[in-house]
Amino acid sequence: MGRNIRISQCMIVKNEEKNIERALSWGRDVVWEQIVVDTGSTDHTVEIAKRMGARLFHFDWIDDFAAAKNYAIEKAGGDWIAFLDADE
């Protein structure tokens, strides 16, 4: 019997209220978990992500995308990680 593969969808976002719902909706039936790392949104991005059931984490932006990405990787528990921008 095959093993179920767990995919973590990770997103690093800031002020993506116009895109976050669609970005989280596409993978709900495919991914095992959805991780949203917010880097300081001042719009409704955080509230929408919470409402959509994503695991939400805050990361203080230090002008280093690699640091934010590594933080998201630390939070992900899947066997594979799919990184997506909110506007993809």
PDB file of N, CA and C in Angstrom:
ATOM      1  N   MET A   1       0.842  -1.181   0.000  1.00  0.00           N
ATOM      2  CA  MET A   1       0.000   0.000   0.000  1.00  0.00           C
ATOM      3  C   MET A   1       0.887   1.243   0.000  1.00  0.00           C
ATOM      4  N   GLY A   2       0.580   2.219  -0.848  1.00  0.00           N
ATOM      5  CA  GLY A   2       1.378   3.436  -0.975  1.00  0.00           C
ATOM      6  C   GLY A   2       1.216   4.381   0.203  1.00  0.00           C
ATOM      7  N   ARG A   3       2.210   5.152   0.419  1.00  0.00           N
ATOM      8  CA  ARG A   3       2.202   6.148   1.493  1.00  0.00           C
ATOM      9  C   ARG A   3       1.579   7.434   0.977  1.00  0.00           C
ATOM     10  N   ASN A   4       0.765   8.054   1.778  1.00  0.00           N
ATOM     11  CA  ASN A   4       0.196   9.352   1.408  1.00  0.00           C
ATOM     12  C   ASN A   4       1.263  10.427   1.528  1.00  0.00           C
ATOM     13  N   ILE A   5       1.427  11.195   0.490  1.00  0.00           N
ATOM     14  CA  ILE A   5       2.385  12.295   0.488  1.00  0.00           C
ATOM     15  C   ILE A   5       1.685  13.537   1.032  1.00  0.00           C
ATOM     16  N   ARG A   6       2.329  14.199   1.959  1.00  0.00           N
ATOM     17  CA  ARG A   6       1.771  15.415   2.543  1.00  0.00           C
ATOM     18  C   ARG A   6       2.470  16.617   1.930  1.00  0.00           C
ATOM     19  N   ILE A   7       1.687  17.504   1.326  1.00  0.00           N
ATOM     20  CA  ILE A   7       2.227  18.713   0.691  1.00  0.00           C
ATOM     21  C   ILE A   7       1.831  19.926   1.524  1.00  0.00           C
ATOM     22  N   SER A   8       2.816  20.732   1.852  1.00  0.00           N
ATOM     23  CA  SER A   8       2.575  22.003   2.545  1.00  0.00           C
ATOM     24  C   SER A   8       2.603  23.119   1.505  1.00  0.00           C
ATOM     25  N   GLN A   9       1.547  23.888   1.444  1.00  0.00           N
ATOM     26  CA  GLN A   9       1.521  25.085   0.599  1.00  0.00           C
ATOM     27  C   GLN A   9       1.983  26.243   1.471  1.00  0.00           C
ATOM     28  N   CYS A  10       3.059  26.906   1.078  1.00  0.00           N
ATOM     29  CA  CYS A  10       3.591  28.028   1.855  1.00  0.00           C
ATOM     30  C   CYS A  10       3.520  29.306   1.035  1.00  0.00           C
ATOM     31  N   MET A  11       3.143  30.364   1.710  1.00  0.00           N
ATOM     32  CA  MET A  11       3.052  31.672   1.074  1.00  0.00           C
ATOM     33  C   MET A  11       3.642  32.712   2.012  1.00  0.00           C
ATOM     34  N   ILE A  12       4.459  33.585   1.457  1.00  0.00           N
ATOM     35  CA  ILE A  12       4.978  34.742   2.187  1.00  0.00           C
ATOM     36  C   ILE A  12       4.244  35.944   1.617  1.00  0.00           C
ATOM     37  N   VAL A  13       3.534  36.668   2.479  1.00  0.00           N
ATOM     38  CA  VAL A  13       2.630  37.705   1.983  1.00  0.00           C
ATOM     39  C   VAL A  13       2.769  39.015   2.730  1.00  0.00           C
ATOM     40  N   LYS A  14       2.324  40.057   2.059  1.00  0.00           N
ATOM     41  CA  LYS A  14       2.140  41.373   2.669  1.00  0.00           C
ATOM     42  C   LYS A  14       1.113  42.115   1.825  1.00  0.00           C
ATOM     43  N   ASN A  15       0.036  42.518   2.469  1.00  0.00           N
ATOM     44  CA  ASN A  15      -1.038  43.299   1.830  1.00  0.00           C
ATOM     45  C   ASN A  15      -1.553  42.632   0.551  1.00  0.00           C
ATOM     46  N   GLU A  16      -2.008  41.404   0.701  1.00  0.00           N
ATOM     47  CA  GLU A  16      -2.518  40.625  -0.424  1.00  0.00           C
ATOM     48  C   GLU A  16      -4.017  40.324  -0.292  1.00  0.00           C
ATOM     49  N   GLU A  17      -4.777  41.224   0.335  1.00  0.00           N
ATOM     50  CA  GLU A  17      -6.194  40.943   0.542  1.00  0.00           C
ATOM     51  C   GLU A  17      -6.945  40.689  -0.759  1.00  0.00           C
ATOM     52  N   LYS A  18      -6.493  41.244  -1.867  1.00  0.00           N
ATOM     53  CA  LYS A  18      -7.179  41.045  -3.146  1.00  0.00           C
ATOM     54  C   LYS A  18      -6.904  39.664  -3.734  1.00  0.00           C
ATOM     55  N   ASN A  19      -5.840  39.005  -3.297  1.00  0.00           N
ATOM     56  CA  ASN A  19      -5.432  37.743  -3.899  1.00  0.00           C
ATOM     57  C   ASN A  19      -5.447  36.542  -2.970  1.00  0.00           C
ATOM     58  N   ILE A  20      -5.386  36.748  -1.673  1.00  0.00           N
ATOM     59  CA  ILE A  20      -5.140  35.653  -0.739  1.00  0.00           C
ATOM     60  C   ILE A  20      -6.235  34.587  -0.759  1.00  0.00           C
ATOM     61  N   GLU A  21      -7.477  34.982  -0.888  1.00  0.00           N
ATOM     62  CA  GLU A  21      -8.555  33.988  -0.871  1.00  0.00           C
ATOM     63  C   GLU A  21      -8.446  33.042  -2.064  1.00  0.00           C
ATOM     64  N   ARG A  22      -8.226  33.586  -3.226  1.00  0.00           N
ATOM     65  CA  ARG A  22      -8.096  32.755  -4.435  1.00  0.00           C
ATOM     66  C   ARG A  22      -6.843  31.880  -4.333  1.00  0.00           C
ATOM     67  N   ALA A  23      -5.765  32.451  -3.818  1.00  0.00           N
ATOM     68  CA  ALA A  23      -4.510  31.706  -3.708  1.00  0.00           C
ATOM     69  C   ALA A  23      -4.631  30.525  -2.743  1.00  0.00           C
ATOM     70  N   LEU A  24      -5.410  30.687  -1.687  1.00  0.00           N
ATOM     71  CA  LEU A  24      -5.600  29.587  -0.746  1.00  0.00           C
ATOM     72  C   LEU A  24      -6.665  28.606  -1.222  1.00  0.00           C
ATOM     73  N   SER A  25      -7.621  29.072  -1.984  1.00  0.00           N
ATOM     74  CA  SER A  25      -8.721  28.212  -2.439  1.00  0.00           C
ATOM     75  C   SER A  25      -8.270  27.128  -3.400  1.00  0.00           C
ATOM     76  N   TRP A  26      -7.321  27.436  -4.285  1.00  0.00           N
ATOM     77  CA  TRP A  26      -6.953  26.488  -5.338  1.00  0.00           C
ATOM     78  C   TRP A  26      -6.483  25.148  -4.784  1.00  0.00           C
ATOM     79  N   GLY A  27      -5.759  25.161  -3.683  1.00  0.00           N
ATOM     80  CA  GLY A  27      -5.118  23.943  -3.216  1.00  0.00           C
ATOM     81  C   GLY A  27      -5.776  23.236  -2.057  1.00  0.00           C
ATOM     82  N   ARG A  28      -6.886  23.714  -1.612  1.00  0.00           N
ATOM     83  CA  ARG A  28      -7.508  23.145  -0.414  1.00  0.00           C
ATOM     84  C   ARG A  28      -7.689  21.638  -0.480  1.00  0.00           C
ATOM     85  N   ASP A  29      -8.046  21.123  -1.627  1.00  0.00           N
ATOM     86  CA  ASP A  29      -8.295  19.690  -1.762  1.00  0.00           C
ATOM     87  C   ASP A  29      -7.031  18.911  -2.111  1.00  0.00           C
ATOM     88  N   VAL A  30      -5.928  19.610  -2.337  1.00  0.00           N
ATOM     89  CA  VAL A  30      -4.697  18.966  -2.785  1.00  0.00           C
ATOM     90  C   VAL A  30      -3.647  18.934  -1.678  1.00  0.00           C
ATOM     91  N   VAL A  31      -3.522  20.018  -0.936  1.00  0.00           N
ATOM     92  CA  VAL A  31      -2.446  20.122   0.048  1.00  0.00           C
ATOM     93  C   VAL A  31      -2.887  19.644   1.423  1.00  0.00           C
ATOM     94  N   TRP A  32      -1.908  19.253   2.188  1.00  0.00           N
ATOM     95  CA  TRP A  32      -2.135  18.763   3.540  1.00  0.00           C
ATOM     96  C   TRP A  32      -2.299  19.920   4.531  1.00  0.00           C
ATOM     97  N   GLU A  33      -1.555  21.009   4.298  1.00  0.00           N
ATOM     98  CA  GLU A  33      -1.641  22.185   5.163  1.00  0.00           C
ATOM     99  C   GLU A  33      -1.316  23.422   4.337  1.00  0.00           C
ATOM    100  N   GLN A  34      -1.796  24.554   4.822  1.00  0.00           N
ATOM    101  CA  GLN A  34      -1.504  25.833   4.181  1.00  0.00           C
ATOM    102  C   GLN A  34      -0.891  26.756   5.220  1.00  0.00           C
ATOM    103  N   ILE A  35       0.326  27.188   4.916  1.00  0.00           N
ATOM    104  CA  ILE A  35       1.100  28.057   5.807  1.00  0.00           C
ATOM    105  C   ILE A  35       1.154  29.443   5.174  1.00  0.00           C
ATOM    106  N   VAL A  36       0.744  30.455   5.925  1.00  0.00           N
ATOM    107  CA  VAL A  36       0.859  31.837   5.469  1.00  0.00           C
ATOM    108  C   VAL A  36       1.780  32.559   6.442  1.00  0.00           C
ATOM    109  N   VAL A  37       2.857  33.114   5.903  1.00  0.00           N
ATOM    110  CA  VAL A  37       3.790  33.916   6.699  1.00  0.00           C
ATOM    111  C   VAL A  37       3.577  35.363   6.288  1.00  0.00           C
ATOM    112  N   ASP A  38       3.025  36.128   7.210  1.00  0.00           N
ATOM    113  CA  ASP A  38       2.739  37.536   6.933  1.00  0.00           C
ATOM    114  C   ASP A  38       3.899  38.396   7.404  1.00  0.00           C
ATOM    115  N   THR A  39       4.308  39.326   6.542  1.00  0.00           N
ATOM    116  CA  THR A  39       5.471  40.164   6.851  1.00  0.00           C
ATOM    117  C   THR A  39       5.090  41.603   7.196  1.00  0.00           C
ATOM    118  N   GLY A  40       3.847  41.791   7.658  1.00  0.00           N
ATOM    119  CA  GLY A  40       3.463  43.125   8.118  1.00  0.00           C
ATOM    120  C   GLY A  40       2.294  43.740   7.392  1.00  0.00           C
ATOM    121  N   SER A  41       1.321  42.949   7.017  1.00  0.00           N
ATOM    122  CA  SER A  41       0.157  43.475   6.297  1.00  0.00           C
ATOM    123  C   SER A  41      -0.592  44.507   7.124  1.00  0.00           C
ATOM    124  N   THR A  42      -1.081  45.526   6.429  1.00  0.00           N
ATOM    125  CA  THR A  42      -1.908  46.546   7.069  1.00  0.00           C
ATOM    126  C   THR A  42      -3.326  46.521   6.511  1.00  0.00           C
ATOM    127  N   ASP A  43      -3.611  45.572   5.631  1.00  0.00           N
ATOM    128  CA  ASP A  43      -4.959  45.423   5.079  1.00  0.00           C
ATOM    129  C   ASP A  43      -5.627  44.211   5.760  1.00  0.00           C
ATOM    130  N   HIS A  44      -6.512  43.518   5.086  1.00  0.00           N
ATOM    131  CA  HIS A  44      -7.256  42.401   5.682  1.00  0.00           C
ATOM    132  C   HIS A  44      -6.667  41.032   5.341  1.00  0.00           C
ATOM    133  N   THR A  45      -5.430  40.996   4.883  1.00  0.00           N
ATOM    134  CA  THR A  45      -4.793  39.734   4.514  1.00  0.00           C
ATOM    135  C   THR A  45      -4.830  38.721   5.651  1.00  0.00           C
ATOM    136  N   VAL A  46      -4.437  39.130   6.843  1.00  0.00           N
ATOM    137  CA  VAL A  46      -4.360  38.224   7.986  1.00  0.00           C
ATOM    138  C   VAL A  46      -5.733  37.653   8.324  1.00  0.00           C
ATOM    139  N   GLU A  47      -6.745  38.500   8.375  1.00  0.00           N
ATOM    140  CA  GLU A  47      -8.081  38.049   8.712  1.00  0.00           C
ATOM    141  C   GLU A  47      -8.609  37.050   7.685  1.00  0.00           C
ATOM    142  N   ILE A  48      -8.351  37.306   6.421  1.00  0.00           N
ATOM    143  CA  ILE A  48      -8.820  36.415   5.362  1.00  0.00           C
ATOM    144  C   ILE A  48      -8.109  35.073   5.458  1.00  0.00           C
ATOM    145  N   ALA A  49      -6.811  35.094   5.659  1.00  0.00           N
ATOM    146  CA  ALA A  49      -6.050  33.839   5.775  1.00  0.00           C
ATOM    147  C   ALA A  49      -6.554  33.004   6.949  1.00  0.00           C
ATOM    148  N   LYS A  50      -6.815  33.643   8.080  1.00  0.00           N
ATOM    149  CA  LYS A  50      -7.356  32.934   9.240  1.00  0.00           C
ATOM    150  C   LYS A  50      -8.717  32.336   8.915  1.00  0.00           C
ATOM    151  N   ARG A  51      -9.564  33.118   8.295  1.00  0.00           N
ATOM    152  CA  ARG A  51     -10.913  32.651   7.934  1.00  0.00           C
ATOM    153  C   ARG A  51     -10.852  31.461   6.989  1.00  0.00           C
ATOM    154  N   MET A  52      -9.847  31.447   6.129  1.00  0.00           N
ATOM    155  CA  MET A  52      -9.686  30.364   5.159  1.00  0.00           C
ATOM    156  C   MET A  52      -9.069  29.113   5.791  1.00  0.00           C
ATOM    157  N   GLY A  53      -8.658  29.200   7.042  1.00  0.00           N
ATOM    158  CA  GLY A  53      -8.130  28.040   7.753  1.00  0.00           C
ATOM    159  C   GLY A  53      -6.636  27.829   7.630  1.00  0.00           C
ATOM    160  N   ALA A  54      -5.926  28.793   7.093  1.00  0.00           N
ATOM    161  CA  ALA A  54      -4.469  28.659   6.972  1.00  0.00           C
ATOM    162  C   ALA A  54      -3.818  28.779   8.345  1.00  0.00           C
ATOM    163  N   ARG A  55      -2.681  28.138   8.484  1.00  0.00           N
ATOM    164  CA  ARG A  55      -1.862  28.346   9.683  1.00  0.00           C
ATOM    165  C   ARG A  55      -1.096  29.637   9.437  1.00  0.00           C
ATOM    166  N   LEU A  56      -1.289  30.602  10.302  1.00  0.00           N
ATOM    167  CA  LEU A  56      -0.749  31.936  10.103  1.00  0.00           C
ATOM    168  C   LEU A  56       0.399  32.203  11.066  1.00  0.00           C
ATOM    169  N   PHE A  57       1.474  32.731  10.510  1.00  0.00           N
ATOM    170  CA  PHE A  57       2.637  33.112  11.306  1.00  0.00           C
ATOM    171  C   PHE A  57       3.061  34.512  10.907  1.00  0.00           C
ATOM    172  N   HIS A  58       3.659  35.230  11.847  1.00  0.00           N
ATOM    173  CA  HIS A  58       4.141  36.586  11.587  1.00  0.00           C
ATOM    174  C   HIS A  58       5.669  36.570  11.555  1.00  0.00           C
ATOM    175  N   PHE A  59       6.227  37.283  10.592  1.00  0.00           N
ATOM    176  CA  PHE A  59       7.675  37.398  10.454  1.00  0.00           C
ATOM    177  C   PHE A  59       7.998  38.859  10.217  1.00  0.00           C
ATOM    178  N   ASP A  60       8.782  39.426  11.107  1.00  0.00           N
ATOM    179  CA  ASP A  60       9.184  40.823  10.933  1.00  0.00           C
ATOM    180  C   ASP A  60      10.131  40.918   9.741  1.00  0.00           C
ATOM    181  N   TRP A  61       9.734  41.702   8.746  1.00  0.00           N
ATOM    182  CA  TRP A  61      10.513  41.832   7.511  1.00  0.00           C
ATOM    183  C   TRP A  61      11.857  42.461   7.814  1.00  0.00           C
ATOM    184  N   ILE A  62      12.933  41.806   7.389  1.00  0.00           N
ATOM    185  CA  ILE A  62      14.291  42.310   7.610  1.00  0.00           C
ATOM    186  C   ILE A  62      14.998  42.490   6.266  1.00  0.00           C
ATOM    187  N   ASP A  63      14.200  42.711   5.228  1.00  0.00           N
ATOM    188  CA  ASP A  63      14.715  42.934   3.875  1.00  0.00           C
ATOM    189  C   ASP A  63      15.539  41.738   3.389  1.00  0.00           C
ATOM    190  N   ASP A  64      15.027  40.533   3.706  1.00  0.00           N
ATOM    191  CA  ASP A  64      15.733  39.305   3.355  1.00  0.00           C
ATOM    192  C   ASP A  64      14.705  38.214   3.073  1.00  0.00           C
ATOM    193  N   PHE A  65      14.386  38.037   1.779  1.00  0.00           N
ATOM    194  CA  PHE A  65      13.379  37.052   1.408  1.00  0.00           C
ATOM    195  C   PHE A  65      13.798  35.644   1.819  1.00  0.00           C
ATOM    196  N   ALA A  66      15.075  35.336   1.717  1.00  0.00           N
ATOM    197  CA  ALA A  66      15.553  34.001   2.099  1.00  0.00           C
ATOM    198  C   ALA A  66      15.263  33.713   3.571  1.00  0.00           C
ATOM    199  N   ALA A  67      15.398  34.698   4.432  1.00  0.00           N
ATOM    200  CA  ALA A  67      15.115  34.511   5.858  1.00  0.00           C
ATOM    201  C   ALA A  67      13.639  34.206   6.068  1.00  0.00           C
ATOM    202  N   ALA A  68      12.766  34.928   5.363  1.00  0.00           N
ATOM    203  CA  ALA A  68      11.332  34.674   5.472  1.00  0.00           C
ATOM    204  C   ALA A  68      10.989  33.286   4.932  1.00  0.00           C
ATOM    205  N   LYS A  69      11.624  32.902   3.841  1.00  0.00           N
ATOM    206  CA  LYS A  69      11.371  31.581   3.257  1.00  0.00           C
ATOM    207  C   LYS A  69      11.847  30.473   4.198  1.00  0.00           C
ATOM    208  N   ASN A  70      13.009  30.637   4.784  1.00  0.00           N
ATOM    209  CA  ASN A  70      13.501  29.646   5.743  1.00  0.00           C
ATOM    210  C   ASN A  70      12.588  29.538   6.957  1.00  0.00           C
ATOM    211  N   TYR A  71      12.033  30.656   7.389  1.00  0.00           N
ATOM    212  CA  TYR A  71      11.081  30.651   8.503  1.00  0.00           C
ATOM    213  C   TYR A  71       9.847  29.837   8.122  1.00  0.00           C
ATOM    214  N   ALA A  72       9.329  30.032   6.917  1.00  0.00           N
ATOM    215  CA  ALA A  72       8.165  29.267   6.452  1.00  0.00           C
ATOM    216  C   ALA A  72       8.488  27.779   6.400  1.00  0.00           C
ATOM    217  N   ILE A  73       9.664  27.441   5.915  1.00  0.00           N
ATOM    218  CA  ILE A  73      10.075  26.034   5.843  1.00  0.00           C
ATOM    219  C   ILE A  73      10.096  25.403   7.237  1.00  0.00           C
ATOM    220  N   GLU A  74      10.568  26.166   8.227  1.00  0.00           N
ATOM    221  CA  GLU A  74      10.589  25.667   9.610  1.00  0.00           C
ATOM    222  C   GLU A  74       9.188  25.357  10.116  1.00  0.00           C
ATOM    223  N   LYS A  75       8.204  26.093   9.663  1.00  0.00           N
ATOM    224  CA  LYS A  75       6.829  25.924  10.141  1.00  0.00           C
ATOM    225  C   LYS A  75       6.085  24.813   9.412  1.00  0.00           C
ATOM    226  N   ALA A  76       6.542  24.453   8.225  1.00  0.00           N
ATOM    227  CA  ALA A  76       5.859  23.453   7.404  1.00  0.00           C
ATOM    228  C   ALA A  76       6.146  22.047   7.918  1.00  0.00           C
ATOM    229  N   GLY A  77       5.123  21.210   7.896  1.00  0.00           N
ATOM    230  CA  GLY A  77       5.275  19.845   8.378  1.00  0.00           C
ATOM    231  C   GLY A  77       5.120  18.792   7.303  1.00  0.00           C
ATOM    232  N   GLY A  78       4.923  19.203   6.068  1.00  0.00           N
ATOM    233  CA  GLY A  78       4.703  18.245   4.988  1.00  0.00           C
ATOM    234  C   GLY A  78       5.981  17.591   4.499  1.00  0.00           C
ATOM    235  N   ASP A  79       5.792  16.567   3.676  1.00  0.00           N
ATOM    236  CA  ASP A  79       6.909  15.884   3.039  1.00  0.00           C
ATOM    237  C   ASP A  79       7.486  16.735   1.910  1.00  0.00           C
ATOM    238  N   TRP A  80       6.644  17.495   1.268  1.00  0.00           N
ATOM    239  CA  TRP A  80       7.008  18.400   0.170  1.00  0.00           C
ATOM    240  C   TRP A  80       6.443  19.775   0.472  1.00  0.00           C
ATOM    241  N   ILE A  81       7.086  20.808  -0.067  1.00  0.00           N
ATOM    242  CA  ILE A  81       6.625  22.187   0.131  1.00  0.00           C
ATOM    243  C   ILE A  81       6.447  22.840  -1.214  1.00  0.00           C
ATOM    244  N   ALA A  82       5.285  23.433  -1.405  1.00  0.00           N
ATOM    245  CA  ALA A  82       5.007  24.204  -2.627  1.00  0.00           C
ATOM    246  C   ALA A  82       4.929  25.662  -2.224  1.00  0.00           C
ATOM    247  N   PHE A  83       5.855  26.484  -2.710  1.00  0.00           N
ATOM    248  CA  PHE A  83       5.830  27.916  -2.451  1.00  0.00           C
ATOM    249  C   PHE A  83       5.106  28.609  -3.589  1.00  0.00           C
ATOM    250  N   LEU A  84       4.184  29.483  -3.239  1.00  0.00           N
ATOM    251  CA  LEU A  84       3.428  30.244  -4.229  1.00  0.00           C
ATOM    252  C   LEU A  84       3.320  31.681  -3.784  1.00  0.00           C
ATOM    253  N   ASP A  85       3.332  32.582  -4.734  1.00  0.00           N
ATOM    254  CA  ASP A  85       3.006  33.976  -4.456  1.00  0.00           C
ATOM    255  C   ASP A  85       1.488  34.095  -4.435  1.00  0.00           C
ATOM    256  N   ALA A  86       0.973  35.037  -3.670  1.00  0.00           N
ATOM    257  CA  ALA A  86      -0.468  35.192  -3.572  1.00  0.00           C
ATOM    258  C   ALA A  86      -1.108  35.560  -4.908  1.00  0.00           C
ATOM    259  N   ASP A  87      -0.345  36.161  -5.791  1.00  0.00           N
ATOM    260  CA  ASP A  87      -0.928  36.571  -7.084  1.00  0.00           C
ATOM    261  C   ASP A  87      -0.663  35.564  -8.203  1.00  0.00           C
ATOM    262  N   GLU A  88      -0.220  34.364  -7.845  1.00  0.00           N
ATOM    263  CA  GLU A  88      -0.030  33.324  -8.852  1.00  0.00           C
ATOM    264  C   GLU A  88      -1.297  32.524  -9.042  1.00  0.00           C
TER     265      GLU A  88
END
